[in-house]
Amino acid sequence: MTKKKDHFRVPVTNTFRRKSPFDQLIEHMGKIRECINILGRGLIRYCKGDYKDFSNIALKVSELEHEADLIKGNLRNHLPNSLFMPVDKGKFMWALREQDAILDHAENLSRMLDMRHTKIPKELQSIFIEHVELVIKTVDTMETAVCNIRDLVETSFVKREREQTKEYIRKVHKLEWKADQKKYEATKGIYKLEKKLKPMDVYHLLKIADWVDDIADHAENVADWLRSMIAK
């Protein structure tokens, strides 16, 4: 007698291949880091008046945002109802939304800059560049903190891993604060040159400073989530 093949049987190995929510959160974070690094390099050239290939940068940012959305959607759809994690499901999804907000701001910023090439006054170029560099460092440090989640969970939150993560979180806060100060400096400089600039240029310069800084703000929010998780 010939045995019938069970086409609906799922290989046992597939169960172990399924990514944990933390692994997917880290994968999502990887897309953010890639996106911000690409946008950051483009922004620095943009601040110097080099708009060449910025359309390609905007396109790449949009592609990465879409790839991250797929990861986010898959994570949402397969998140178990009873989730054994150091934080509750709602807070976990809040952290994911904060990460996603970084990508949304990056995409909106790149599209706005691509639609209108706003010249950064020479007096402000170095300030704008320093601001961008601080925001990139904030996101990079946040990624390191997020990626440390795996070690935290695997070691059941041993003291050494907790302290290491706390140090990353402190660095995120310090960098975000520095970014805020640089944004204030840029804003002050814009208003100082207001009479020499076209009204629409003033608007766009302020918008650039705001949206770049918003990226660091959301990175800090993710760091705050990590801090609350460690405190539990």
N, C-alpha and C. Protein backbone atom coordinates (compact mmCIF):
# COMPACT_ATOMS: atom_id res chain seq x y z
N MET A 1 0.84 -1.20 0.00
CA MET A 1 0.00 0.00 0.00
C MET A 1 0.88 1.25 0.00
N THR A 2 0.62 2.16 -0.92
CA THR A 2 1.42 3.38 -1.05
C THR A 2 0.97 4.43 -0.06
N LYS A 3 1.95 4.99 0.66
CA LYS A 3 1.62 6.03 1.63
C LYS A 3 1.31 7.34 0.92
N LYS A 4 0.27 8.00 1.37
CA LYS A 4 -0.07 9.32 0.81
C LYS A 4 0.83 10.38 1.42
N LYS A 5 1.28 11.28 0.59
CA LYS A 5 2.12 12.38 1.07
C LYS A 5 1.26 13.43 1.76
N ASP A 6 1.73 13.86 2.89
CA ASP A 6 1.02 14.92 3.61
C ASP A 6 1.59 16.27 3.19
N HIS A 7 0.86 16.92 2.26
CA HIS A 7 1.34 18.19 1.71
C HIS A 7 1.22 19.33 2.72
N PHE A 8 0.49 19.08 3.80
CA PHE A 8 0.25 20.16 4.75
C PHE A 8 1.16 20.08 5.97
N ARG A 9 2.01 19.08 5.98
CA ARG A 9 2.91 18.94 7.11
C ARG A 9 4.01 20.01 7.04
N VAL A 10 4.21 20.72 8.14
CA VAL A 10 5.25 21.75 8.21
C VAL A 10 6.49 21.13 8.83
N PRO A 11 7.63 21.23 8.16
CA PRO A 11 8.85 20.67 8.73
C PRO A 11 9.12 21.23 10.11
N VAL A 12 9.61 20.36 11.00
CA VAL A 12 9.89 20.77 12.37
C VAL A 12 10.90 21.90 12.39
N THR A 13 11.86 21.87 11.46
CA THR A 13 12.93 22.88 11.44
C THR A 13 12.38 24.28 11.21
N ASN A 14 11.20 24.38 10.53
CA ASN A 14 10.63 25.70 10.27
C ASN A 14 10.25 26.42 11.56
N THR A 15 9.88 25.63 12.56
CA THR A 15 9.50 26.23 13.83
C THR A 15 10.68 26.97 14.44
N PHE A 16 11.86 26.36 14.30
CA PHE A 16 13.04 26.94 14.90
C PHE A 16 13.62 28.06 14.05
N ARG A 17 13.21 28.11 12.78
CA ARG A 17 13.69 29.18 11.90
C ARG A 17 12.88 30.46 12.08
N ARG A 18 11.72 30.33 12.70
CA ARG A 18 10.87 31.50 12.87
C ARG A 18 11.58 32.53 13.74
N LYS A 19 11.59 33.75 13.28
CA LYS A 19 12.31 34.80 14.00
C LYS A 19 11.50 35.27 15.21
N SER A 20 12.21 35.57 16.27
CA SER A 20 11.55 36.09 17.46
C SER A 20 11.20 37.56 17.21
N PRO A 21 10.25 38.11 18.00
CA PRO A 21 9.91 39.53 17.86
C PRO A 21 11.12 40.44 18.01
N PHE A 22 12.04 40.08 18.93
CA PHE A 22 13.24 40.89 19.12
C PHE A 22 14.15 40.86 17.89
N ASP A 23 14.27 39.67 17.27
CA ASP A 23 15.09 39.56 16.06
C ASP A 23 14.53 40.43 14.95
N GLN A 24 13.20 40.45 14.82
CA GLN A 24 12.56 41.27 13.78
C GLN A 24 12.68 42.76 14.09
N LEU A 25 12.62 43.10 15.37
CA LEU A 25 12.81 44.50 15.77
C LEU A 25 14.22 44.96 15.40
N ILE A 26 15.19 44.09 15.61
CA ILE A 26 16.58 44.39 15.27
C ILE A 26 16.75 44.49 13.75
N GLU A 27 16.06 43.59 13.03
CA GLU A 27 16.11 43.64 11.56
C GLU A 27 15.52 44.96 11.05
N HIS A 28 14.43 45.39 11.66
CA HIS A 28 13.80 46.66 11.32
C HIS A 28 14.75 47.82 11.62
N MET A 29 15.45 47.72 12.75
CA MET A 29 16.42 48.74 13.14
C MET A 29 17.56 48.83 12.13
N GLY A 30 17.96 47.68 11.56
CA GLY A 30 19.02 47.67 10.56
C GLY A 30 18.66 48.48 9.33
N LYS A 31 17.38 48.43 8.94
CA LYS A 31 16.91 49.22 7.79
C LYS A 31 16.98 50.71 8.12
N ILE A 32 16.68 51.05 9.37
CA ILE A 32 16.74 52.45 9.80
C ILE A 32 18.17 52.96 9.70
N ARG A 33 19.10 52.19 10.25
CA ARG A 33 20.50 52.60 10.24
C ARG A 33 21.00 52.79 8.82
N GLU A 34 20.67 51.86 7.93
CA GLU A 34 21.08 51.97 6.53
C GLU A 34 20.48 53.21 5.89
N CYS A 35 19.21 53.45 6.17
CA CYS A 35 18.50 54.60 5.60
C CYS A 35 19.11 55.92 6.07
N ILE A 36 19.34 56.05 7.37
CA ILE A 36 19.84 57.30 7.93
C ILE A 36 21.28 57.57 7.48
N ASN A 37 22.07 56.52 7.37
CA ASN A 37 23.44 56.71 6.90
C ASN A 37 23.48 57.19 5.44
N ILE A 38 22.62 56.61 4.59
CA ILE A 38 22.55 57.04 3.19
C ILE A 38 22.03 58.48 3.10
N LEU A 39 20.95 58.76 3.82
CA LEU A 39 20.38 60.11 3.80
C LEU A 39 21.36 61.11 4.40
N GLY A 40 22.04 60.71 5.48
CA GLY A 40 22.99 61.61 6.13
C GLY A 40 24.11 62.06 5.21
N ARG A 41 24.69 61.09 4.50
CA ARG A 41 25.76 61.44 3.55
C ARG A 41 25.24 62.37 2.46
N GLY A 42 24.01 62.09 2.00
CA GLY A 42 23.41 62.95 0.98
C GLY A 42 23.12 64.34 1.51
N LEU A 43 22.68 64.43 2.76
CA LEU A 43 22.38 65.72 3.36
C LEU A 43 23.62 66.58 3.52
N ILE A 44 24.73 65.96 3.87
CA ILE A 44 25.97 66.72 4.03
C ILE A 44 26.39 67.33 2.70
N ARG A 45 26.25 66.56 1.62
CA ARG A 45 26.56 67.11 0.28
C ARG A 45 25.55 68.20 -0.08
N TYR A 46 24.30 67.96 0.26
CA TYR A 46 23.23 68.91 -0.02
C TYR A 46 23.52 70.25 0.67
N CYS A 47 23.96 70.18 1.91
CA CYS A 47 24.26 71.41 2.67
C CYS A 47 25.37 72.22 2.01
N LYS A 48 26.23 71.54 1.28
CA LYS A 48 27.34 72.21 0.59
C LYS A 48 26.94 72.69 -0.80
N GLY A 49 25.67 72.46 -1.17
CA GLY A 49 25.18 72.91 -2.47
C GLY A 49 25.32 71.87 -3.57
N ASP A 50 25.64 70.63 -3.20
CA ASP A 50 25.79 69.55 -4.18
C ASP A 50 24.50 68.73 -4.20
N TYR A 51 23.66 68.98 -5.22
CA TYR A 51 22.37 68.30 -5.33
C TYR A 51 22.42 67.12 -6.30
N LYS A 52 23.59 66.86 -6.85
CA LYS A 52 23.75 65.79 -7.82
C LYS A 52 23.37 64.45 -7.21
N ASP A 53 22.57 63.69 -7.92
CA ASP A 53 22.15 62.34 -7.51
C ASP A 53 21.28 62.33 -6.26
N PHE A 54 20.80 63.49 -5.80
CA PHE A 54 19.96 63.45 -4.61
C PHE A 54 18.63 62.75 -4.87
N SER A 55 18.18 62.79 -6.13
CA SER A 55 16.95 62.06 -6.48
C SER A 55 17.13 60.57 -6.24
N ASN A 56 18.32 60.05 -6.54
CA ASN A 56 18.59 58.63 -6.31
C ASN A 56 18.61 58.32 -4.81
N ILE A 57 19.12 59.26 -4.03
CA ILE A 57 19.15 59.08 -2.57
C ILE A 57 17.72 59.04 -2.04
N ALA A 58 16.88 59.97 -2.52
CA ALA A 58 15.48 60.00 -2.09
C ALA A 58 14.77 58.70 -2.46
N LEU A 59 15.08 58.18 -3.64
CA LEU A 59 14.48 56.92 -4.09
C LEU A 59 14.92 55.76 -3.21
N LYS A 60 16.21 55.72 -2.88
CA LYS A 60 16.74 54.64 -2.04
C LYS A 60 16.14 54.71 -0.63
N VAL A 61 15.98 55.91 -0.10
CA VAL A 61 15.36 56.09 1.22
C VAL A 61 13.93 55.55 1.20
N SER A 62 13.21 55.85 0.13
CA SER A 62 11.83 55.38 -0.02
C SER A 62 11.78 53.85 -0.10
N GLU A 63 12.73 53.27 -0.81
CA GLU A 63 12.78 51.80 -0.93
C GLU A 63 13.05 51.15 0.42
N LEU A 64 13.97 51.72 1.18
CA LEU A 64 14.29 51.17 2.49
C LEU A 64 13.12 51.32 3.46
N GLU A 65 12.40 52.45 3.34
CA GLU A 65 11.22 52.65 4.17
C GLU A 65 10.18 51.58 3.87
N HIS A 66 10.04 51.23 2.58
CA HIS A 66 9.08 50.19 2.18
C HIS A 66 9.51 48.83 2.70
N GLU A 67 10.80 48.52 2.60
CA GLU A 67 11.32 47.24 3.10
C GLU A 67 11.10 47.12 4.61
N ALA A 68 11.31 48.22 5.30
CA ALA A 68 11.09 48.22 6.75
C ALA A 68 9.61 48.04 7.07
N ASP A 69 8.73 48.61 6.24
CA ASP A 69 7.29 48.46 6.43
C ASP A 69 6.87 46.99 6.31
N LEU A 70 7.51 46.27 5.42
CA LEU A 70 7.20 44.84 5.25
C LEU A 70 7.60 44.07 6.51
N ILE A 71 8.75 44.42 7.07
CA ILE A 71 9.19 43.77 8.32
C ILE A 71 8.21 44.10 9.44
N LYS A 72 7.82 45.37 9.51
CA LYS A 72 6.88 45.83 10.53
C LYS A 72 5.54 45.10 10.40
N GLY A 73 5.04 44.98 9.17
CA GLY A 73 3.77 44.30 8.93
C GLY A 73 3.83 42.84 9.32
N ASN A 74 4.92 42.18 8.96
CA ASN A 74 5.09 40.76 9.29
C ASN A 74 5.16 40.57 10.81
N LEU A 75 5.85 41.48 11.47
CA LEU A 75 5.97 41.40 12.93
C LEU A 75 4.61 41.59 13.59
N ARG A 76 3.85 42.56 13.12
CA ARG A 76 2.52 42.80 13.68
C ARG A 76 1.59 41.61 13.49
N ASN A 77 1.65 41.02 12.29
CA ASN A 77 0.74 39.92 11.95
C ASN A 77 1.05 38.63 12.69
N HIS A 78 2.31 38.45 13.11
CA HIS A 78 2.71 37.20 13.73
C HIS A 78 3.09 37.34 15.20
N LEU A 79 2.76 38.48 15.77
CA LEU A 79 3.05 38.67 17.18
C LEU A 79 2.02 37.88 18.00
N PRO A 80 2.46 36.91 18.79
CA PRO A 80 1.52 36.08 19.56
C PRO A 80 0.75 36.90 20.58
N ASN A 81 -0.47 36.43 20.90
CA ASN A 81 -1.30 37.13 21.86
C ASN A 81 -0.69 37.11 23.26
N SER A 82 -0.16 35.95 23.62
CA SER A 82 0.51 35.85 24.91
C SER A 82 2.00 35.88 24.66
N LEU A 83 2.60 37.00 24.91
CA LEU A 83 4.00 37.21 24.57
C LEU A 83 4.85 37.29 25.83
N PHE A 84 5.76 36.34 25.98
CA PHE A 84 6.61 36.33 27.16
C PHE A 84 7.83 37.20 26.89
N MET A 85 7.72 38.49 27.24
CA MET A 85 8.81 39.42 27.02
C MET A 85 8.93 40.32 28.25
N PRO A 86 10.06 41.02 28.35
CA PRO A 86 10.26 41.90 29.50
C PRO A 86 9.32 43.10 29.53
N VAL A 87 8.65 43.37 28.42
CA VAL A 87 7.67 44.46 28.37
C VAL A 87 6.38 43.92 27.77
N ASP A 88 5.28 44.62 28.01
CA ASP A 88 4.02 44.12 27.46
C ASP A 88 3.94 44.40 25.96
N LYS A 89 3.00 43.77 25.35
CA LYS A 89 2.85 43.84 23.89
C LYS A 89 2.62 45.27 23.41
N GLY A 90 1.82 46.04 24.15
CA GLY A 90 1.53 47.41 23.75
C GLY A 90 2.78 48.28 23.72
N LYS A 91 3.63 48.15 24.74
CA LYS A 91 4.86 48.93 24.78
C LYS A 91 5.84 48.49 23.69
N PHE A 92 5.83 47.20 23.41
CA PHE A 92 6.70 46.69 22.34
C PHE A 92 6.29 47.30 21.00
N MET A 93 4.98 47.35 20.73
CA MET A 93 4.49 47.92 19.48
C MET A 93 4.72 49.42 19.44
N TRP A 94 4.69 50.08 20.61
CA TRP A 94 4.97 51.52 20.66
C TRP A 94 6.41 51.78 20.23
N ALA A 95 7.34 50.94 20.69
CA ALA A 95 8.75 51.09 20.30
C ALA A 95 8.91 50.90 18.80
N LEU A 96 8.18 49.93 18.26
CA LEU A 96 8.23 49.69 16.81
C LEU A 96 7.71 50.90 16.04
N ARG A 97 6.64 51.53 16.55
CA ARG A 97 6.09 52.72 15.90
C ARG A 97 7.08 53.88 15.96
N GLU A 98 7.80 54.01 17.06
CA GLU A 98 8.81 55.07 17.18
C GLU A 98 9.95 54.85 16.19
N GLN A 99 10.36 53.60 16.04
CA GLN A 99 11.38 53.30 15.03
C GLN A 99 10.85 53.65 13.64
N ASP A 100 9.60 53.30 13.40
CA ASP A 100 8.99 53.55 12.10
C ASP A 100 8.89 55.05 11.82
N ALA A 101 8.67 55.84 12.87
CA ALA A 101 8.57 57.30 12.72
C ALA A 101 9.88 57.89 12.21
N ILE A 102 11.00 57.28 12.58
CA ILE A 102 12.31 57.75 12.09
C ILE A 102 12.35 57.63 10.57
N LEU A 103 11.89 56.49 10.06
CA LEU A 103 11.88 56.27 8.62
C LEU A 103 10.90 57.21 7.92
N ASP A 104 9.76 57.43 8.53
CA ASP A 104 8.77 58.34 7.93
C ASP A 104 9.34 59.75 7.78
N HIS A 105 10.01 60.23 8.82
CA HIS A 105 10.62 61.56 8.76
C HIS A 105 11.73 61.61 7.72
N ALA A 106 12.51 60.54 7.65
CA ALA A 106 13.60 60.49 6.66
C ALA A 106 13.05 60.53 5.24
N GLU A 107 11.97 59.78 5.00
CA GLU A 107 11.38 59.76 3.66
C GLU A 107 10.77 61.12 3.31
N ASN A 108 10.02 61.70 4.25
CA ASN A 108 9.39 63.00 3.99
C ASN A 108 10.44 64.08 3.74
N LEU A 109 11.51 64.04 4.53
CA LEU A 109 12.58 65.03 4.38
C LEU A 109 13.27 64.89 3.03
N SER A 110 13.60 63.66 2.64
CA SER A 110 14.30 63.45 1.37
C SER A 110 13.44 63.87 0.19
N ARG A 111 12.14 63.61 0.27
CA ARG A 111 11.24 63.99 -0.82
C ARG A 111 11.11 65.50 -0.92
N MET A 112 11.01 66.18 0.23
CA MET A 112 10.91 67.63 0.23
C MET A 112 12.17 68.27 -0.37
N LEU A 113 13.32 67.77 0.04
CA LEU A 113 14.58 68.31 -0.46
C LEU A 113 14.76 68.03 -1.95
N ASP A 114 14.23 66.91 -2.39
CA ASP A 114 14.33 66.56 -3.81
C ASP A 114 13.42 67.44 -4.66
N MET A 115 12.26 67.82 -4.10
CA MET A 115 11.31 68.64 -4.85
C MET A 115 11.79 70.09 -4.95
N ARG A 116 12.50 70.55 -3.91
CA ARG A 116 12.97 71.94 -3.92
C ARG A 116 14.38 72.00 -3.35
N HIS A 117 15.32 72.40 -4.18
CA HIS A 117 16.70 72.52 -3.74
C HIS A 117 16.89 73.88 -3.06
N THR A 118 16.84 73.86 -1.75
CA THR A 118 16.97 75.09 -0.97
C THR A 118 18.43 75.30 -0.61
N LYS A 119 18.99 76.39 -1.04
CA LYS A 119 20.39 76.67 -0.78
C LYS A 119 20.61 77.02 0.69
N ILE A 120 21.56 76.31 1.30
CA ILE A 120 21.93 76.61 2.69
C ILE A 120 22.95 77.76 2.66
N PRO A 121 22.65 78.90 3.32
CA PRO A 121 23.61 80.02 3.34
C PRO A 121 24.98 79.57 3.85
N LYS A 122 26.03 80.12 3.27
CA LYS A 122 27.39 79.73 3.67
C LYS A 122 27.62 79.89 5.17
N GLU A 123 27.02 80.92 5.75
CA GLU A 123 27.18 81.17 7.18
C GLU A 123 26.62 80.03 8.04
N LEU A 124 25.69 79.26 7.45
CA LEU A 124 25.01 78.22 8.23
C LEU A 124 25.41 76.79 7.83
N GLN A 125 26.19 76.65 6.78
CA GLN A 125 26.50 75.31 6.27
C GLN A 125 27.15 74.41 7.32
N SER A 126 28.15 74.93 8.02
CA SER A 126 28.85 74.10 9.01
C SER A 126 27.92 73.70 10.15
N ILE A 127 27.02 74.60 10.54
CA ILE A 127 26.06 74.30 11.62
C ILE A 127 25.11 73.20 11.18
N PHE A 128 24.58 73.31 9.96
CA PHE A 128 23.66 72.30 9.44
C PHE A 128 24.36 70.94 9.34
N ILE A 129 25.60 70.94 8.88
CA ILE A 129 26.35 69.68 8.73
C ILE A 129 26.61 69.04 10.09
N GLU A 130 27.00 69.86 11.07
CA GLU A 130 27.23 69.34 12.42
C GLU A 130 25.95 68.76 13.01
N HIS A 131 24.82 69.41 12.71
CA HIS A 131 23.53 68.92 13.18
C HIS A 131 23.22 67.55 12.60
N VAL A 132 23.42 67.42 11.30
CA VAL A 132 23.19 66.14 10.62
C VAL A 132 24.09 65.06 11.22
N GLU A 133 25.34 65.36 11.42
CA GLU A 133 26.30 64.38 11.95
C GLU A 133 25.90 63.92 13.36
N LEU A 134 25.41 64.84 14.18
CA LEU A 134 24.97 64.48 15.53
C LEU A 134 23.75 63.57 15.49
N VAL A 135 22.84 63.84 14.57
CA VAL A 135 21.63 63.01 14.43
C VAL A 135 22.01 61.60 13.96
N ILE A 136 22.94 61.51 13.02
CA ILE A 136 23.41 60.19 12.55
C ILE A 136 24.01 59.40 13.71
N LYS A 137 24.83 60.06 14.52
CA LYS A 137 25.45 59.40 15.68
C LYS A 137 24.39 58.96 16.69
N THR A 138 23.34 59.77 16.84
CA THR A 138 22.26 59.41 17.77
C THR A 138 21.58 58.12 17.33
N VAL A 139 21.27 58.04 16.03
CA VAL A 139 20.62 56.84 15.50
C VAL A 139 21.55 55.63 15.56
N ASP A 140 22.81 55.81 15.22
CA ASP A 140 23.77 54.70 15.27
C ASP A 140 23.90 54.15 16.70
N THR A 141 23.95 55.05 17.67
CA THR A 141 24.06 54.62 19.07
C THR A 141 22.79 53.94 19.53
N MET A 142 21.64 54.43 19.07
CA MET A 142 20.37 53.79 19.40
C MET A 142 20.33 52.38 18.83
N GLU A 143 20.84 52.22 17.60
CA GLU A 143 20.85 50.89 16.99
C GLU A 143 21.68 49.92 17.83
N THR A 144 22.83 50.38 18.30
CA THR A 144 23.67 49.54 19.16
C THR A 144 22.92 49.12 20.41
N ALA A 145 22.18 50.07 20.99
CA ALA A 145 21.39 49.77 22.19
C ALA A 145 20.30 48.75 21.89
N VAL A 146 19.59 48.93 20.78
CA VAL A 146 18.52 48.01 20.39
C VAL A 146 19.08 46.61 20.12
N CYS A 147 20.21 46.55 19.43
CA CYS A 147 20.81 45.25 19.10
C CYS A 147 21.30 44.53 20.36
N ASN A 148 21.52 45.28 21.42
CA ASN A 148 21.96 44.68 22.68
C ASN A 148 20.82 43.94 23.39
N ILE A 149 19.59 44.13 22.89
CA ILE A 149 18.43 43.45 23.48
C ILE A 149 18.64 41.94 23.48
N ARG A 150 19.17 41.42 22.36
CA ARG A 150 19.35 39.97 22.25
C ARG A 150 20.22 39.44 23.38
N ASP A 151 21.32 40.14 23.65
CA ASP A 151 22.20 39.71 24.74
C ASP A 151 21.51 39.82 26.09
N LEU A 152 20.71 40.89 26.25
CA LEU A 152 19.98 41.08 27.51
C LEU A 152 19.03 39.91 27.78
N VAL A 153 18.26 39.56 26.74
CA VAL A 153 17.27 38.50 26.89
C VAL A 153 17.95 37.15 27.11
N GLU A 154 18.99 36.87 26.32
CA GLU A 154 19.66 35.58 26.41
C GLU A 154 20.38 35.38 27.74
N THR A 155 20.80 36.49 28.36
CA THR A 155 21.51 36.38 29.64
C THR A 155 20.59 36.66 30.83
N SER A 156 19.28 36.75 30.56
CA SER A 156 18.29 37.01 31.61
C SER A 156 18.61 38.27 32.40
N PHE A 157 19.04 39.28 31.65
CA PHE A 157 19.27 40.60 32.22
C PHE A 157 20.34 40.61 33.33
N VAL A 158 21.44 39.97 33.06
CA VAL A 158 22.53 40.00 34.05
C VAL A 158 23.07 41.43 34.16
N LYS A 159 23.69 41.72 35.29
CA LYS A 159 24.10 43.09 35.61
C LYS A 159 25.01 43.70 34.56
N ARG A 160 25.98 42.93 34.07
CA ARG A 160 26.94 43.47 33.10
C ARG A 160 26.24 43.94 31.83
N GLU A 161 25.31 43.12 31.32
CA GLU A 161 24.58 43.47 30.10
C GLU A 161 23.66 44.66 30.34
N ARG A 162 23.04 44.71 31.51
CA ARG A 162 22.16 45.82 31.83
C ARG A 162 22.94 47.13 31.87
N GLU A 163 24.10 47.10 32.52
CA GLU A 163 24.92 48.32 32.64
C GLU A 163 25.43 48.78 31.28
N GLN A 164 25.77 47.81 30.44
CA GLN A 164 26.24 48.15 29.09
C GLN A 164 25.13 48.83 28.30
N THR A 165 23.92 48.30 28.39
CA THR A 165 22.78 48.89 27.68
C THR A 165 22.47 50.27 28.24
N LYS A 166 22.54 50.42 29.56
CA LYS A 166 22.30 51.73 30.18
C LYS A 166 23.29 52.77 29.67
N GLU A 167 24.53 52.35 29.46
CA GLU A 167 25.55 53.27 28.95
C GLU A 167 25.21 53.73 27.54
N TYR A 168 24.74 52.80 26.71
CA TYR A 168 24.31 53.17 25.35
C TYR A 168 23.15 54.16 25.41
N ILE A 169 22.21 53.91 26.31
CA ILE A 169 21.04 54.78 26.45
C ILE A 169 21.47 56.18 26.88
N ARG A 170 22.41 56.27 27.82
CA ARG A 170 22.92 57.57 28.25
C ARG A 170 23.57 58.32 27.09
N LYS A 171 24.29 57.58 26.23
CA LYS A 171 24.93 58.20 25.06
C LYS A 171 23.88 58.74 24.08
N VAL A 172 22.78 57.98 23.91
CA VAL A 172 21.70 58.44 23.03
C VAL A 172 21.14 59.76 23.54
N HIS A 173 20.87 59.83 24.84
CA HIS A 173 20.32 61.05 25.43
C HIS A 173 21.28 62.23 25.29
N LYS A 174 22.56 61.97 25.50
CA LYS A 174 23.55 63.04 25.40
C LYS A 174 23.65 63.55 23.96
N LEU A 175 23.66 62.64 23.01
CA LEU A 175 23.76 63.03 21.60
C LEU A 175 22.50 63.77 21.15
N GLU A 176 21.33 63.30 21.61
CA GLU A 176 20.08 63.96 21.24
C GLU A 176 20.05 65.38 21.80
N TRP A 177 20.57 65.56 23.03
CA TRP A 177 20.64 66.89 23.64
C TRP A 177 21.55 67.79 22.82
N LYS A 178 22.69 67.27 22.40
CA LYS A 178 23.62 68.05 21.57
C LYS A 178 22.98 68.42 20.23
N ALA A 179 22.21 67.48 19.67
CA ALA A 179 21.52 67.76 18.41
C ALA A 179 20.50 68.88 18.60
N ASP A 180 19.79 68.86 19.73
CA ASP A 180 18.82 69.93 20.03
C ASP A 180 19.51 71.30 20.11
N GLN A 181 20.68 71.32 20.76
CA GLN A 181 21.41 72.59 20.88
C GLN A 181 21.87 73.09 19.51
N LYS A 182 22.28 72.16 18.67
CA LYS A 182 22.73 72.54 17.33
C LYS A 182 21.55 73.02 16.49
N LYS A 183 20.38 72.41 16.68
CA LYS A 183 19.18 72.87 15.97
C LYS A 183 18.83 74.29 16.41
N TYR A 184 18.94 74.55 17.71
CA TYR A 184 18.67 75.90 18.23
C TYR A 184 19.64 76.91 17.59
N GLU A 185 20.89 76.51 17.47
CA GLU A 185 21.90 77.38 16.86
C GLU A 185 21.58 77.66 15.40
N ALA A 186 21.12 76.61 14.70
CA ALA A 186 20.75 76.77 13.29
C ALA A 186 19.54 77.68 13.14
N THR A 187 18.54 77.47 13.99
CA THR A 187 17.32 78.29 13.95
C THR A 187 17.63 79.76 14.23
N LYS A 188 18.48 79.99 15.22
CA LYS A 188 18.90 81.35 15.56
C LYS A 188 19.61 82.00 14.37
N GLY A 189 20.45 81.21 13.68
CA GLY A 189 21.17 81.72 12.52
C GLY A 189 20.25 82.06 11.36
N ILE A 190 19.21 81.24 11.19
CA ILE A 190 18.23 81.48 10.12
C ILE A 190 17.51 82.81 10.35
N TYR A 191 17.06 83.02 11.57
CA TYR A 191 16.34 84.27 11.88
C TYR A 191 17.26 85.49 11.77
N LYS A 192 18.52 85.28 12.05
CA LYS A 192 19.49 86.37 11.94
C LYS A 192 19.65 86.82 10.49
N LEU A 193 19.52 85.85 9.57
CA LEU A 193 19.66 86.15 8.14
C LEU A 193 18.32 86.38 7.45
N GLU A 194 17.25 86.41 8.24
CA GLU A 194 15.89 86.45 7.69
C GLU A 194 15.68 87.56 6.66
N LYS A 195 16.20 88.76 6.91
CA LYS A 195 15.99 89.88 5.99
C LYS A 195 16.71 89.70 4.67
N LYS A 196 17.75 88.87 4.65
CA LYS A 196 18.51 88.64 3.42
C LYS A 196 17.95 87.48 2.59
N LEU A 197 17.06 86.71 3.20
CA LEU A 197 16.54 85.50 2.55
C LEU A 197 15.12 85.69 2.06
N LYS A 198 14.74 84.90 1.06
CA LYS A 198 13.36 84.88 0.60
C LYS A 198 12.51 84.17 1.66
N PRO A 199 11.26 84.61 1.82
CA PRO A 199 10.39 84.00 2.84
C PRO A 199 10.28 82.47 2.70
N MET A 200 10.18 81.98 1.46
CA MET A 200 10.06 80.54 1.25
C MET A 200 11.35 79.81 1.62
N ASP A 201 12.50 80.48 1.42
CA ASP A 201 13.77 79.89 1.83
C ASP A 201 13.84 79.77 3.36
N VAL A 202 13.37 80.82 4.04
CA VAL A 202 13.35 80.79 5.51
C VAL A 202 12.49 79.62 5.99
N TYR A 203 11.32 79.47 5.38
CA TYR A 203 10.40 78.39 5.75
C TYR A 203 11.07 77.02 5.57
N HIS A 204 11.70 76.81 4.42
CA HIS A 204 12.30 75.51 4.14
C HIS A 204 13.52 75.24 5.01
N LEU A 205 14.30 76.25 5.29
CA LEU A 205 15.46 76.07 6.16
C LEU A 205 15.02 75.66 7.57
N LEU A 206 13.97 76.31 8.06
CA LEU A 206 13.44 75.95 9.38
C LEU A 206 12.88 74.53 9.37
N LYS A 207 12.23 74.18 8.26
CA LYS A 207 11.64 72.85 8.12
C LYS A 207 12.73 71.78 8.10
N ILE A 208 13.82 72.04 7.39
CA ILE A 208 14.93 71.09 7.33
C ILE A 208 15.49 70.84 8.73
N ALA A 209 15.74 71.94 9.45
CA ALA A 209 16.28 71.82 10.81
C ALA A 209 15.33 71.03 11.72
N ASP A 210 14.03 71.29 11.59
CA ASP A 210 13.03 70.60 12.40
C ASP A 210 12.99 69.11 12.10
N TRP A 211 12.89 68.76 10.82
CA TRP A 211 12.72 67.35 10.45
C TRP A 211 13.98 66.53 10.71
N VAL A 212 15.13 67.15 10.53
CA VAL A 212 16.37 66.44 10.86
C VAL A 212 16.40 66.16 12.36
N ASP A 213 16.02 67.14 13.16
CA ASP A 213 16.04 66.99 14.61
C ASP A 213 14.99 65.99 15.10
N ASP A 214 13.84 65.92 14.40
CA ASP A 214 12.79 64.97 14.77
C ASP A 214 13.30 63.53 14.74
N ILE A 215 14.22 63.25 13.83
CA ILE A 215 14.79 61.90 13.73
C ILE A 215 15.49 61.53 15.05
N ALA A 216 16.26 62.47 15.58
CA ALA A 216 16.95 62.24 16.86
C ALA A 216 15.95 62.11 18.01
N ASP A 217 14.87 62.88 17.96
CA ASP A 217 13.84 62.82 19.01
C ASP A 217 13.23 61.42 19.10
N HIS A 218 12.90 60.85 17.95
CA HIS A 218 12.30 59.51 17.95
C HIS A 218 13.32 58.44 18.35
N ALA A 219 14.57 58.66 18.02
CA ALA A 219 15.63 57.74 18.46
C ALA A 219 15.71 57.75 19.99
N GLU A 220 15.59 58.93 20.57
CA GLU A 220 15.60 59.05 22.03
C GLU A 220 14.40 58.33 22.64
N ASN A 221 13.24 58.40 21.98
CA ASN A 221 12.05 57.73 22.49
C ASN A 221 12.25 56.21 22.55
N VAL A 222 12.93 55.67 21.54
CA VAL A 222 13.22 54.23 21.55
C VAL A 222 14.16 53.90 22.72
N ALA A 223 15.12 54.77 22.95
CA ALA A 223 16.05 54.58 24.08
C ALA A 223 15.30 54.61 25.41
N ASP A 224 14.29 55.48 25.51
CA ASP A 224 13.48 55.55 26.73
C ASP A 224 12.72 54.24 26.95
N TRP A 225 12.23 53.66 25.85
CA TRP A 225 11.56 52.36 25.95
C TRP A 225 12.53 51.30 26.49
N LEU A 226 13.75 51.30 25.99
CA LEU A 226 14.74 50.34 26.47
C LEU A 226 15.00 50.54 27.96
N ARG A 227 15.07 51.79 28.37
CA ARG A 227 15.32 52.08 29.78
C ARG A 227 14.19 51.56 30.66
N SER A 228 12.94 51.72 30.19
CA SER A 228 11.80 51.23 30.97
C SER A 228 11.80 49.70 31.02
N MET A 229 12.28 49.07 29.96
CA MET A 229 12.34 47.61 29.92
C MET A 229 13.36 47.09 30.93
N ILE A 230 14.51 47.76 31.01
CA ILE A 230 15.56 47.35 31.94
C ILE A 230 15.13 47.58 33.38
N ALA A 231 14.34 48.62 33.59
CA ALA A 231 13.92 48.97 34.95
C ALA A 231 12.92 47.97 35.53
N LYS A 232 12.32 47.14 34.68
CA LYS A 232 11.31 46.19 35.15
C LYS A 232 11.91 45.05 35.94
